[in-house]
Amino acid sequence: MSAPLSADLAQIGKSVVIKGELSGSEDLYVDGQVEGSISLKNNSLTVGPHGQVKASVEAKGVVVQGKLDGNVQASDRVELRKSAIMNGDISTVRISIEEGAFLKGKIDIQGRAEKAAGK
């Protein structure tokens, strides 16, 4: 197994089911099922292709390849890959939606003066 770019990466496998509040200070990769809430304020959440998340999410960055039901608040970026199925509202600074991704919800793009000045 090759080392990820970030040394701090937690993984939830395909057969794992978690119900409740999930928080942490490292990046999280979910390929199993999570129900409740996820709080990773300074880190990223990746929902893998087999991942099924029913939770409100607060993170720095969110990448969805599987299914996510719930509202997402990302301080930096949200990516919906082509296999993503997302039901819920998104609030973020930057967003990327690939062709083929499904989104049912509202998108709120937050403005940042320093980000706009850099463009």
N, C-alpha and C. Protein backbone atom coordinates (compact mmCIF):
# COMPACT_ATOMS: atom_id res chain seq x y z
N MET A 1 0.84 -1.18 0.00
CA MET A 1 0.00 0.00 0.00
C MET A 1 0.88 1.24 0.00
N SER A 2 0.67 2.13 -0.95
CA SER A 2 1.48 3.33 -1.03
C SER A 2 1.02 4.34 0.02
N ALA A 3 1.94 5.12 0.49
CA ALA A 3 1.63 6.10 1.54
C ALA A 3 0.86 7.28 0.94
N PRO A 4 -0.22 7.70 1.60
CA PRO A 4 -0.97 8.86 1.11
C PRO A 4 -0.16 10.14 1.30
N LEU A 5 -0.56 11.21 0.61
CA LEU A 5 0.14 12.49 0.74
C LEU A 5 0.09 12.99 2.17
N SER A 6 -1.05 12.81 2.83
CA SER A 6 -1.19 13.20 4.23
C SER A 6 -0.87 11.99 5.11
N ALA A 7 0.01 12.19 6.09
CA ALA A 7 0.37 11.08 6.97
C ALA A 7 -0.80 10.71 7.89
N ASP A 8 -1.67 11.68 8.18
CA ASP A 8 -2.80 11.44 9.07
C ASP A 8 -4.04 11.16 8.23
N LEU A 9 -4.36 9.88 8.03
CA LEU A 9 -5.53 9.49 7.26
C LEU A 9 -6.20 8.32 7.95
N ALA A 10 -7.46 8.52 8.35
CA ALA A 10 -8.23 7.44 8.95
C ALA A 10 -9.14 6.87 7.87
N GLN A 11 -9.37 5.55 7.92
CA GLN A 11 -10.21 4.89 6.92
C GLN A 11 -11.31 4.10 7.59
N ILE A 12 -12.50 4.14 6.99
CA ILE A 12 -13.62 3.32 7.42
C ILE A 12 -13.93 2.39 6.25
N GLY A 13 -13.73 1.10 6.46
CA GLY A 13 -13.86 0.11 5.39
C GLY A 13 -15.30 -0.17 4.99
N LYS A 14 -15.45 -0.96 3.92
CA LYS A 14 -16.76 -1.27 3.32
C LYS A 14 -17.74 -1.92 4.28
N SER A 15 -17.24 -2.75 5.18
CA SER A 15 -18.14 -3.52 6.06
C SER A 15 -18.44 -2.81 7.38
N VAL A 16 -17.87 -1.61 7.59
CA VAL A 16 -18.03 -0.90 8.86
C VAL A 16 -19.26 0.00 8.83
N VAL A 17 -20.07 -0.06 9.91
CA VAL A 17 -21.25 0.79 10.07
C VAL A 17 -21.08 1.59 11.35
N ILE A 18 -21.19 2.92 11.24
CA ILE A 18 -21.06 3.80 12.40
C ILE A 18 -22.31 4.65 12.52
N LYS A 19 -22.88 4.72 13.73
CA LYS A 19 -24.04 5.58 14.00
C LYS A 19 -23.68 6.48 15.17
N GLY A 20 -23.79 7.80 14.96
CA GLY A 20 -23.48 8.74 16.03
C GLY A 20 -22.68 9.91 15.52
N GLU A 21 -21.97 10.55 16.46
CA GLU A 21 -21.16 11.72 16.13
C GLU A 21 -19.72 11.29 15.87
N LEU A 22 -19.20 11.76 14.74
CA LEU A 22 -17.83 11.42 14.34
C LEU A 22 -17.05 12.72 14.23
N SER A 23 -15.93 12.82 14.95
CA SER A 23 -15.10 14.02 14.86
C SER A 23 -13.65 13.60 14.92
N GLY A 24 -12.77 14.47 14.42
CA GLY A 24 -11.37 14.13 14.44
C GLY A 24 -10.51 15.26 13.92
N SER A 25 -9.19 15.05 14.00
CA SER A 25 -8.23 16.05 13.53
C SER A 25 -7.29 15.43 12.50
N GLU A 26 -7.84 14.53 11.68
CA GLU A 26 -7.10 13.96 10.56
C GLU A 26 -8.07 13.73 9.41
N ASP A 27 -7.54 13.57 8.21
CA ASP A 27 -8.39 13.31 7.05
C ASP A 27 -9.08 11.96 7.22
N LEU A 28 -10.30 11.85 6.67
CA LEU A 28 -11.09 10.64 6.83
C LEU A 28 -11.57 10.14 5.47
N TYR A 29 -11.39 8.84 5.24
CA TYR A 29 -11.87 8.18 4.02
C TYR A 29 -12.94 7.18 4.44
N VAL A 30 -14.17 7.36 3.94
CA VAL A 30 -15.29 6.51 4.32
C VAL A 30 -15.72 5.67 3.12
N ASP A 31 -15.60 4.35 3.23
CA ASP A 31 -16.09 3.45 2.19
C ASP A 31 -17.20 2.56 2.76
N GLY A 32 -17.54 2.79 4.02
CA GLY A 32 -18.61 2.04 4.68
C GLY A 32 -19.83 2.93 4.87
N GLN A 33 -20.54 2.72 5.98
CA GLN A 33 -21.76 3.48 6.26
C GLN A 33 -21.59 4.32 7.52
N VAL A 34 -21.98 5.59 7.43
CA VAL A 34 -21.95 6.48 8.58
C VAL A 34 -23.28 7.19 8.66
N GLU A 35 -23.86 7.22 9.86
CA GLU A 35 -25.14 7.88 10.08
C GLU A 35 -25.01 8.76 11.32
N GLY A 36 -25.33 10.05 11.19
CA GLY A 36 -25.24 10.97 12.32
C GLY A 36 -24.65 12.30 11.91
N SER A 37 -23.48 12.64 12.46
CA SER A 37 -22.80 13.88 12.09
C SER A 37 -21.30 13.64 12.01
N ILE A 38 -20.66 14.40 11.11
CA ILE A 38 -19.21 14.30 10.92
C ILE A 38 -18.63 15.70 11.04
N SER A 39 -17.66 15.87 11.93
CA SER A 39 -17.02 17.17 12.13
C SER A 39 -15.51 17.01 12.01
N LEU A 40 -14.96 17.54 10.92
CA LEU A 40 -13.52 17.52 10.67
C LEU A 40 -13.11 18.94 10.25
N LYS A 41 -13.17 19.88 11.18
CA LYS A 41 -13.07 21.31 10.86
C LYS A 41 -11.84 21.69 10.03
N ASN A 42 -10.68 21.13 10.32
CA ASN A 42 -9.46 21.51 9.60
C ASN A 42 -8.95 20.39 8.69
N ASN A 43 -9.83 19.43 8.38
CA ASN A 43 -9.40 18.28 7.60
C ASN A 43 -10.43 17.93 6.55
N SER A 44 -10.10 16.93 5.73
CA SER A 44 -10.94 16.56 4.60
C SER A 44 -11.67 15.25 4.83
N LEU A 45 -12.85 15.17 4.21
CA LEU A 45 -13.64 13.94 4.20
C LEU A 45 -13.75 13.47 2.76
N THR A 46 -13.46 12.19 2.53
CA THR A 46 -13.67 11.58 1.22
C THR A 46 -14.66 10.44 1.40
N VAL A 47 -15.77 10.50 0.66
CA VAL A 47 -16.74 9.41 0.65
C VAL A 47 -16.39 8.55 -0.57
N GLY A 48 -15.89 7.35 -0.32
CA GLY A 48 -15.45 6.46 -1.39
C GLY A 48 -16.61 5.95 -2.23
N PRO A 49 -16.30 5.23 -3.30
CA PRO A 49 -17.34 4.76 -4.23
C PRO A 49 -18.38 3.84 -3.59
N HIS A 50 -18.03 3.14 -2.51
CA HIS A 50 -18.98 2.27 -1.82
C HIS A 50 -19.56 2.94 -0.58
N GLY A 51 -19.12 4.16 -0.28
CA GLY A 51 -19.53 4.86 0.92
C GLY A 51 -20.98 5.31 0.88
N GLN A 52 -21.65 5.20 2.02
CA GLN A 52 -23.03 5.68 2.18
C GLN A 52 -23.08 6.47 3.48
N VAL A 53 -23.21 7.79 3.33
CA VAL A 53 -23.18 8.68 4.48
C VAL A 53 -24.52 9.38 4.60
N LYS A 54 -25.15 9.26 5.78
CA LYS A 54 -26.37 10.01 6.10
C LYS A 54 -26.02 10.86 7.30
N ALA A 55 -25.48 12.05 7.02
CA ALA A 55 -24.96 12.87 8.11
C ALA A 55 -24.83 14.32 7.68
N SER A 56 -24.88 15.20 8.67
CA SER A 56 -24.49 16.58 8.42
C SER A 56 -22.97 16.60 8.53
N VAL A 57 -22.33 17.29 7.56
CA VAL A 57 -20.87 17.25 7.46
C VAL A 57 -20.30 18.66 7.59
N GLU A 58 -19.30 18.79 8.44
CA GLU A 58 -18.54 20.03 8.54
C GLU A 58 -17.07 19.65 8.40
N ALA A 59 -16.42 20.16 7.34
CA ALA A 59 -15.03 19.82 7.08
C ALA A 59 -14.37 20.92 6.26
N LYS A 60 -13.05 20.83 6.13
CA LYS A 60 -12.33 21.79 5.29
C LYS A 60 -12.59 21.48 3.82
N GLY A 61 -12.49 20.21 3.46
CA GLY A 61 -12.73 19.78 2.09
C GLY A 61 -13.54 18.50 2.09
N VAL A 62 -14.42 18.35 1.08
CA VAL A 62 -15.25 17.16 0.97
C VAL A 62 -15.21 16.67 -0.47
N VAL A 63 -14.90 15.38 -0.65
CA VAL A 63 -14.92 14.74 -1.96
C VAL A 63 -15.94 13.61 -1.88
N VAL A 64 -16.92 13.60 -2.80
CA VAL A 64 -17.96 12.58 -2.78
C VAL A 64 -17.86 11.74 -4.05
N GLN A 65 -17.66 10.43 -3.86
CA GLN A 65 -17.67 9.47 -4.97
C GLN A 65 -18.86 8.53 -4.83
N GLY A 66 -19.34 8.35 -3.62
CA GLY A 66 -20.46 7.46 -3.33
C GLY A 66 -21.73 8.24 -3.08
N LYS A 67 -22.44 7.91 -1.98
CA LYS A 67 -23.73 8.53 -1.68
C LYS A 67 -23.62 9.33 -0.38
N LEU A 68 -24.14 10.57 -0.42
CA LEU A 68 -24.15 11.41 0.77
C LEU A 68 -25.52 12.06 0.89
N ASP A 69 -26.22 11.78 1.99
CA ASP A 69 -27.50 12.41 2.31
C ASP A 69 -27.27 13.30 3.52
N GLY A 70 -27.36 14.61 3.33
CA GLY A 70 -27.16 15.53 4.43
C GLY A 70 -26.53 16.82 3.94
N ASN A 71 -26.57 17.83 4.79
CA ASN A 71 -26.00 19.13 4.44
C ASN A 71 -24.49 19.13 4.66
N VAL A 72 -23.78 19.84 3.77
CA VAL A 72 -22.33 19.91 3.83
C VAL A 72 -21.89 21.36 4.01
N GLN A 73 -21.04 21.59 4.99
CA GLN A 73 -20.43 22.90 5.21
C GLN A 73 -18.93 22.69 5.09
N ALA A 74 -18.34 23.22 4.00
CA ALA A 74 -16.91 23.05 3.76
C ALA A 74 -16.25 24.42 3.74
N SER A 75 -15.19 24.59 4.53
CA SER A 75 -14.52 25.88 4.60
C SER A 75 -13.63 26.14 3.39
N ASP A 76 -13.31 25.10 2.60
CA ASP A 76 -12.45 25.30 1.43
C ASP A 76 -13.11 24.84 0.13
N ARG A 77 -13.39 23.52 -0.01
CA ARG A 77 -13.79 23.00 -1.32
C ARG A 77 -14.66 21.76 -1.21
N VAL A 78 -15.60 21.62 -2.16
CA VAL A 78 -16.41 20.41 -2.30
C VAL A 78 -16.25 19.91 -3.72
N GLU A 79 -16.01 18.59 -3.86
CA GLU A 79 -15.91 17.96 -5.18
C GLU A 79 -16.94 16.85 -5.27
N LEU A 80 -17.78 16.89 -6.29
CA LEU A 80 -18.71 15.80 -6.57
C LEU A 80 -18.19 15.09 -7.81
N ARG A 81 -17.71 13.86 -7.63
CA ARG A 81 -17.18 13.09 -8.74
C ARG A 81 -18.34 12.51 -9.56
N LYS A 82 -18.06 11.94 -10.72
CA LYS A 82 -19.12 11.49 -11.63
C LYS A 82 -20.02 10.42 -11.04
N SER A 83 -19.53 9.65 -10.07
CA SER A 83 -20.33 8.59 -9.46
C SER A 83 -21.09 9.08 -8.21
N ALA A 84 -20.99 10.37 -7.89
CA ALA A 84 -21.59 10.91 -6.66
C ALA A 84 -23.10 11.02 -6.75
N ILE A 85 -23.75 10.70 -5.62
CA ILE A 85 -25.18 10.92 -5.45
C ILE A 85 -25.32 11.72 -4.16
N MET A 86 -25.72 12.98 -4.29
CA MET A 86 -25.77 13.88 -3.13
C MET A 86 -27.16 14.47 -2.98
N ASN A 87 -27.74 14.32 -1.79
CA ASN A 87 -29.02 14.93 -1.43
C ASN A 87 -28.77 15.82 -0.23
N GLY A 88 -28.82 17.13 -0.44
CA GLY A 88 -28.60 18.06 0.67
C GLY A 88 -28.01 19.35 0.17
N ASP A 89 -27.96 20.32 1.06
CA ASP A 89 -27.44 21.64 0.72
C ASP A 89 -25.94 21.70 0.95
N ILE A 90 -25.27 22.50 0.09
CA ILE A 90 -23.82 22.66 0.17
C ILE A 90 -23.50 24.12 0.40
N SER A 91 -22.62 24.38 1.38
CA SER A 91 -22.12 25.72 1.63
C SER A 91 -20.59 25.63 1.61
N THR A 92 -19.96 26.34 0.65
CA THR A 92 -18.51 26.23 0.48
C THR A 92 -17.97 27.46 -0.23
N VAL A 93 -16.64 27.54 -0.32
CA VAL A 93 -15.98 28.62 -1.04
C VAL A 93 -15.80 28.23 -2.50
N ARG A 94 -15.42 26.96 -2.75
CA ARG A 94 -15.20 26.47 -4.11
C ARG A 94 -15.91 25.13 -4.29
N ILE A 95 -16.39 24.88 -5.51
CA ILE A 95 -17.08 23.62 -5.79
C ILE A 95 -16.71 23.11 -7.17
N SER A 96 -16.65 21.80 -7.29
CA SER A 96 -16.38 21.14 -8.56
C SER A 96 -17.38 20.00 -8.72
N ILE A 97 -18.13 20.01 -9.82
CA ILE A 97 -19.12 18.96 -10.07
C ILE A 97 -18.82 18.33 -11.42
N GLU A 98 -18.46 17.05 -11.42
CA GLU A 98 -18.16 16.35 -12.66
C GLU A 98 -19.45 15.99 -13.39
N GLU A 99 -19.36 15.88 -14.70
CA GLU A 99 -20.50 15.45 -15.51
C GLU A 99 -20.92 14.05 -15.08
N GLY A 100 -22.22 13.87 -14.82
CA GLY A 100 -22.73 12.58 -14.39
C GLY A 100 -23.06 12.53 -12.90
N ALA A 101 -22.53 13.50 -12.13
CA ALA A 101 -22.83 13.54 -10.70
C ALA A 101 -24.28 13.97 -10.50
N PHE A 102 -24.91 13.48 -9.40
CA PHE A 102 -26.29 13.82 -9.09
C PHE A 102 -26.30 14.69 -7.83
N LEU A 103 -27.00 15.81 -7.91
CA LEU A 103 -27.13 16.70 -6.75
C LEU A 103 -28.56 17.19 -6.66
N LYS A 104 -29.16 16.98 -5.49
CA LYS A 104 -30.48 17.53 -5.21
C LYS A 104 -30.33 18.37 -3.95
N GLY A 105 -30.34 19.68 -4.14
CA GLY A 105 -30.14 20.58 -3.01
C GLY A 105 -29.71 21.95 -3.48
N LYS A 106 -29.36 22.77 -2.54
CA LYS A 106 -28.99 24.15 -2.79
C LYS A 106 -27.49 24.30 -2.63
N ILE A 107 -26.89 25.17 -3.45
CA ILE A 107 -25.46 25.46 -3.34
C ILE A 107 -25.31 26.92 -2.93
N ASP A 108 -24.56 27.15 -1.85
CA ASP A 108 -24.28 28.50 -1.38
C ASP A 108 -22.77 28.70 -1.45
N ILE A 109 -22.32 29.55 -2.39
CA ILE A 109 -20.89 29.84 -2.54
C ILE A 109 -20.54 31.02 -1.65
N GLN A 110 -19.68 30.76 -0.68
CA GLN A 110 -19.25 31.81 0.25
C GLN A 110 -18.10 32.58 -0.38
N GLY A 111 -18.16 33.90 -0.33
CA GLY A 111 -17.09 34.72 -0.90
C GLY A 111 -16.00 34.98 0.12
N ARG A 112 -14.77 35.02 -0.37
CA ARG A 112 -13.63 35.38 0.47
C ARG A 112 -12.86 36.44 -0.27
N ALA A 113 -12.60 37.58 0.34
CA ALA A 113 -11.92 38.69 -0.30
C ALA A 113 -10.53 38.29 -0.79
N GLU A 114 -9.77 37.52 0.03
CA GLU A 114 -8.42 37.14 -0.37
C GLU A 114 -8.44 36.14 -1.53
N LYS A 115 -9.44 35.27 -1.60
CA LYS A 115 -9.55 34.33 -2.71
C LYS A 115 -9.88 35.08 -4.00
N ALA A 116 -10.80 36.03 -3.94
CA ALA A 116 -11.19 36.80 -5.13
C ALA A 116 -10.03 37.65 -5.63
N ALA A 117 -9.25 38.21 -4.72
CA ALA A 117 -8.12 39.06 -5.10
C ALA A 117 -7.02 38.25 -5.78
N GLY A 118 -6.91 36.96 -5.43
CA GLY A 118 -5.89 36.10 -6.02
C GLY A 118 -6.19 35.66 -7.43
N LYS A 119 -7.43 35.82 -7.89
CA LYS A 119 -7.81 35.35 -9.23
C LYS A 119 -7.43 36.33 -10.24
